[in-house]
Amino acid sequence: MKNTFKISALVLAFAGFAFGAKAQTTTPTTTTTSTTTNNGIRYSIGVDAGIPLGNFKDNYKWNLGGSVQADIPVISNQLFVTVNAGYNNVFGKKDIGGVAGLDQTDFHLIPVKAGLKYFVVPNFYVQGEAGAAFLLNKKDVGVNKSTAFVYAPQVGVQFPVSANGNFIDAGIRYEATTKYATGINDSKVSFLGLRVAYGF
């Protein structure tokens, strides 16, 4: 129940932040980076995938999920505040250590992050985000925390695909969390991820 309440509150906060920013009027300038919506905010829906790193890779093989993101302009077409929320399933390995039936339970995560996205040159950006990652099945995976701090530096490319401002956003990131189990380093989630998104 607590997790549901926290997630609902974050989703409402995300929606309020996005719509509040949308209500502000901005006049975007035209550059080769990409056309934006009338108020300058860019929205994207993407597919996320990744490969676990560090000790986490001993029991987990890959992850797959999706996310929505809003890029809110600070300096038109160059610097944006980002707000991102998604779902990530980290798939556990089967028959760990060659023991038949010894399977690792999947991690079900809802990461909610905010950060900055800066276009170093047209179409190429660096991005940094941080926030909270909510674990939906802590009892199943045997940990004592359902929330961890998450951070994700990223680099990527964004390019227009139509005259009305639609674009493709492809980024590679390192994403990691703090521990989900007190005193157990192996309970940190870390992976090298790829996000490919369609924006409008």
Protein backbone atom coordinates (compact mmCIF):
# COMPACT_ATOMS: atom_id res chain seq x y z
CA MET A 1 0.00 0.00 0.00
CA LYS A 2 2.84 2.39 0.88
CA ASN A 3 4.54 1.74 -2.46
CA THR A 4 1.31 2.35 -4.36
CA PHE A 5 0.83 5.64 -2.55
CA LYS A 6 4.42 6.76 -3.24
CA ILE A 7 4.20 5.83 -6.90
CA SER A 8 0.83 7.58 -7.30
CA ALA A 9 2.20 10.71 -5.64
CA LEU A 10 5.25 10.75 -7.93
CA VAL A 11 3.16 10.24 -11.05
CA LEU A 12 0.88 13.12 -10.01
CA ALA A 13 3.90 15.30 -9.25
CA PHE A 14 5.42 14.44 -12.65
CA ALA A 15 2.15 15.32 -14.42
CA GLY A 16 1.79 18.56 -12.48
CA PHE A 17 5.37 19.58 -13.19
CA ALA A 18 5.05 18.86 -16.89
CA PHE A 19 1.72 20.65 -17.29
CA GLY A 20 2.88 23.57 -15.13
CA ALA A 21 5.89 24.02 -17.35
CA LYS A 22 3.71 23.68 -20.43
CA ALA A 23 1.58 26.59 -19.27
CA GLN A 24 4.59 28.91 -19.46
CA THR A 25 5.08 30.60 -22.79
CA THR A 26 8.46 30.27 -24.46
CA THR A 27 9.54 31.22 -27.92
CA PRO A 28 11.90 28.61 -29.33
CA THR A 29 14.59 29.59 -31.76
CA THR A 30 15.19 27.62 -34.91
CA THR A 31 18.41 25.60 -35.05
CA THR A 32 19.48 22.34 -36.62
CA THR A 33 18.98 20.47 -33.32
CA SER A 34 15.28 19.76 -33.80
CA THR A 35 11.97 21.53 -33.94
CA THR A 36 10.11 21.63 -30.64
CA THR A 37 6.47 21.92 -29.66
CA ASN A 38 4.92 25.40 -29.61
CA ASN A 39 5.87 25.98 -25.97
CA GLY A 40 9.32 24.43 -26.38
CA ILE A 41 8.66 21.24 -24.36
CA ARG A 42 9.67 17.97 -25.98
CA TYR A 43 7.97 14.71 -24.99
CA SER A 44 9.28 11.25 -25.79
CA ILE A 45 8.23 7.63 -25.28
CA GLY A 46 11.02 5.09 -25.38
CA VAL A 47 12.14 1.49 -25.04
CA ASP A 48 14.90 0.83 -22.50
CA ALA A 49 17.26 -2.16 -22.46
CA GLY A 50 20.49 -2.93 -20.67
CA ILE A 51 23.19 -5.32 -19.50
CA PRO A 52 23.94 -5.63 -15.74
CA LEU A 53 27.41 -4.67 -14.51
CA GLY A 54 29.57 -5.38 -11.47
CA ASN A 55 28.46 -7.92 -8.88
CA PHE A 56 24.87 -7.49 -10.03
CA LYS A 57 25.65 -9.35 -13.26
CA ASP A 58 26.40 -12.54 -11.29
CA ASN A 59 22.68 -13.21 -10.82
CA TYR A 60 21.04 -11.07 -13.51
CA LYS A 61 21.43 -11.24 -17.29
CA TRP A 62 19.64 -8.25 -18.89
CA ASN A 63 16.85 -5.75 -18.44
CA LEU A 64 13.99 -4.43 -20.56
CA GLY A 65 11.44 -1.69 -19.98
CA GLY A 66 10.02 1.58 -21.18
CA SER A 67 9.92 5.22 -20.15
CA VAL A 68 8.30 8.58 -20.81
CA GLN A 69 10.27 11.80 -20.66
CA ALA A 70 9.63 15.53 -20.83
CA ASP A 71 12.44 17.92 -21.84
CA ILE A 72 11.64 21.42 -20.60
CA PRO A 73 13.73 24.21 -22.17
CA VAL A 74 15.90 26.49 -20.05
CA ILE A 75 17.98 27.80 -22.95
CA SER A 76 16.02 27.17 -26.12
CA ASN A 77 17.27 24.14 -28.10
CA GLN A 78 20.42 23.84 -25.97
CA LEU A 79 19.74 23.27 -22.25
CA PHE A 80 16.72 21.36 -20.91
CA VAL A 81 15.43 20.17 -17.56
CA THR A 82 14.40 16.52 -17.92
CA VAL A 83 11.76 14.55 -16.03
CA ASN A 84 11.66 10.80 -16.66
CA ALA A 85 9.54 7.95 -15.30
CA GLY A 86 9.46 4.34 -16.44
CA TYR A 87 9.38 0.63 -15.70
CA ASN A 88 12.33 -1.77 -15.79
CA ASN A 89 12.32 -5.55 -15.49
CA VAL A 90 15.75 -7.01 -14.70
CA PHE A 91 15.72 -10.68 -15.65
CA GLY A 92 17.28 -13.12 -13.20
CA LYS A 93 19.51 -15.97 -14.31
CA LYS A 94 18.29 -19.58 -14.35
CA ASP A 95 20.09 -22.58 -12.82
CA ILE A 96 22.61 -20.40 -11.00
CA GLY A 97 25.96 -22.12 -10.45
CA GLY A 98 24.80 -25.07 -12.51
CA VAL A 99 22.17 -26.00 -9.90
CA ALA A 100 18.94 -27.03 -11.62
CA GLY A 101 15.96 -25.07 -10.35
CA LEU A 102 18.05 -22.42 -8.56
CA ASP A 103 16.61 -19.38 -10.32
CA GLN A 104 17.01 -15.72 -9.44
CA THR A 105 13.76 -13.75 -9.14
CA ASP A 106 13.41 -10.79 -11.53
CA PHE A 107 13.76 -7.22 -10.20
CA HIS A 108 10.69 -5.05 -10.98
CA LEU A 109 11.68 -1.39 -10.81
CA ILE A 110 9.97 1.96 -11.33
CA PRO A 111 12.68 4.64 -11.65
CA VAL A 112 11.62 8.29 -11.41
CA LYS A 113 14.37 10.78 -12.27
CA ALA A 114 14.99 14.43 -13.04
CA GLY A 115 18.05 16.15 -14.40
CA LEU A 116 19.65 18.26 -17.12
CA LYS A 117 20.21 17.67 -20.82
CA TYR A 118 22.74 19.83 -22.66
CA PHE A 119 23.39 19.89 -26.41
CA VAL A 120 27.16 20.23 -26.80
CA VAL A 121 26.75 20.55 -30.56
CA PRO A 122 23.55 20.31 -32.63
CA ASN A 123 21.98 16.85 -32.26
CA PHE A 124 24.56 15.54 -29.72
CA TYR A 125 23.86 15.84 -25.99
CA VAL A 126 25.11 14.92 -22.54
CA GLN A 127 22.57 14.27 -19.81
CA GLY A 128 22.62 13.59 -16.10
CA GLU A 129 19.66 12.47 -14.01
CA ALA A 130 19.02 11.37 -10.43
CA GLY A 131 16.02 10.33 -8.40
CA ALA A 132 14.42 7.30 -6.76
CA ALA A 133 13.98 3.72 -8.00
CA PHE A 134 11.04 1.87 -6.42
CA LEU A 135 11.31 -1.92 -6.12
CA LEU A 136 7.88 -3.49 -6.53
CA ASN A 137 8.73 -7.00 -5.27
CA LYS A 138 11.19 -6.62 -2.38
CA LYS A 139 9.87 -9.69 -0.50
CA ASP A 140 10.27 -11.89 -3.57
CA VAL A 141 13.92 -10.90 -4.06
CA GLY A 142 14.72 -11.01 -0.33
CA VAL A 143 15.70 -7.43 0.45
CA ASN A 144 14.53 -5.05 3.17
CA LYS A 145 14.21 -1.76 1.22
CA SER A 146 11.76 -0.85 -1.50
CA THR A 147 13.35 2.51 -2.44
CA ALA A 148 16.88 3.39 -3.48
CA PHE A 149 18.64 6.46 -4.82
CA VAL A 150 19.30 6.16 -8.56
CA TYR A 151 21.60 8.16 -10.84
CA ALA A 152 22.21 7.96 -14.58
CA PRO A 153 24.76 9.88 -16.71
CA GLN A 154 24.00 9.58 -20.43
CA VAL A 155 25.20 10.63 -23.87
CA GLY A 156 23.06 10.54 -26.97
CA VAL A 157 21.90 11.87 -30.29
CA GLN A 158 18.61 13.47 -31.18
CA PHE A 159 17.56 14.21 -34.72
CA PRO A 160 14.35 15.35 -36.43
CA VAL A 161 12.33 12.91 -38.55
CA SER A 162 9.58 15.25 -39.73
CA ALA A 163 8.92 18.92 -40.40
CA ASN A 164 6.40 19.18 -37.55
CA GLY A 165 9.02 18.55 -34.86
CA ASN A 166 8.91 14.78 -34.32
CA PHE A 167 12.31 13.26 -33.56
CA ILE A 168 14.26 10.15 -32.62
CA ASP A 169 16.28 10.22 -29.41
CA ALA A 170 18.90 7.49 -28.85
CA GLY A 171 21.07 7.50 -25.75
CA ILE A 172 23.53 5.25 -23.92
CA ARG A 173 23.71 5.54 -20.15
CA TYR A 174 25.21 4.06 -17.02
CA GLU A 175 22.51 3.63 -14.38
CA ALA A 176 23.07 2.59 -10.77
CA THR A 177 21.28 2.55 -7.43
CA THR A 178 22.23 2.43 -3.79
CA LYS A 179 21.63 -0.78 -1.79
CA TYR A 180 18.22 -2.41 -1.49
CA ALA A 181 19.47 -4.61 1.35
CA THR A 182 21.29 -3.06 4.31
CA GLY A 183 24.98 -3.91 4.25
CA ILE A 184 24.82 -6.04 1.08
CA ASN A 185 26.70 -4.52 -1.86
CA ASP A 186 25.27 -7.12 -4.27
CA SER A 187 21.82 -5.54 -3.77
CA LYS A 188 22.90 -2.47 -5.77
CA VAL A 189 21.45 -2.40 -9.28
CA SER A 190 23.84 -1.23 -12.00
CA PHE A 191 23.71 -1.60 -15.76
CA LEU A 192 24.79 -0.17 -19.09
CA GLY A 193 21.57 0.86 -20.79
CA LEU A 194 20.23 2.00 -24.15
CA ARG A 195 17.13 4.13 -24.64
CA VAL A 196 15.60 4.59 -28.09
CA ALA A 197 12.64 6.96 -28.05
CA TYR A 198 10.18 8.64 -30.39
CA GLY A 199 9.62 12.29 -29.55
CA PHE A 200 7.06 14.92 -30.37
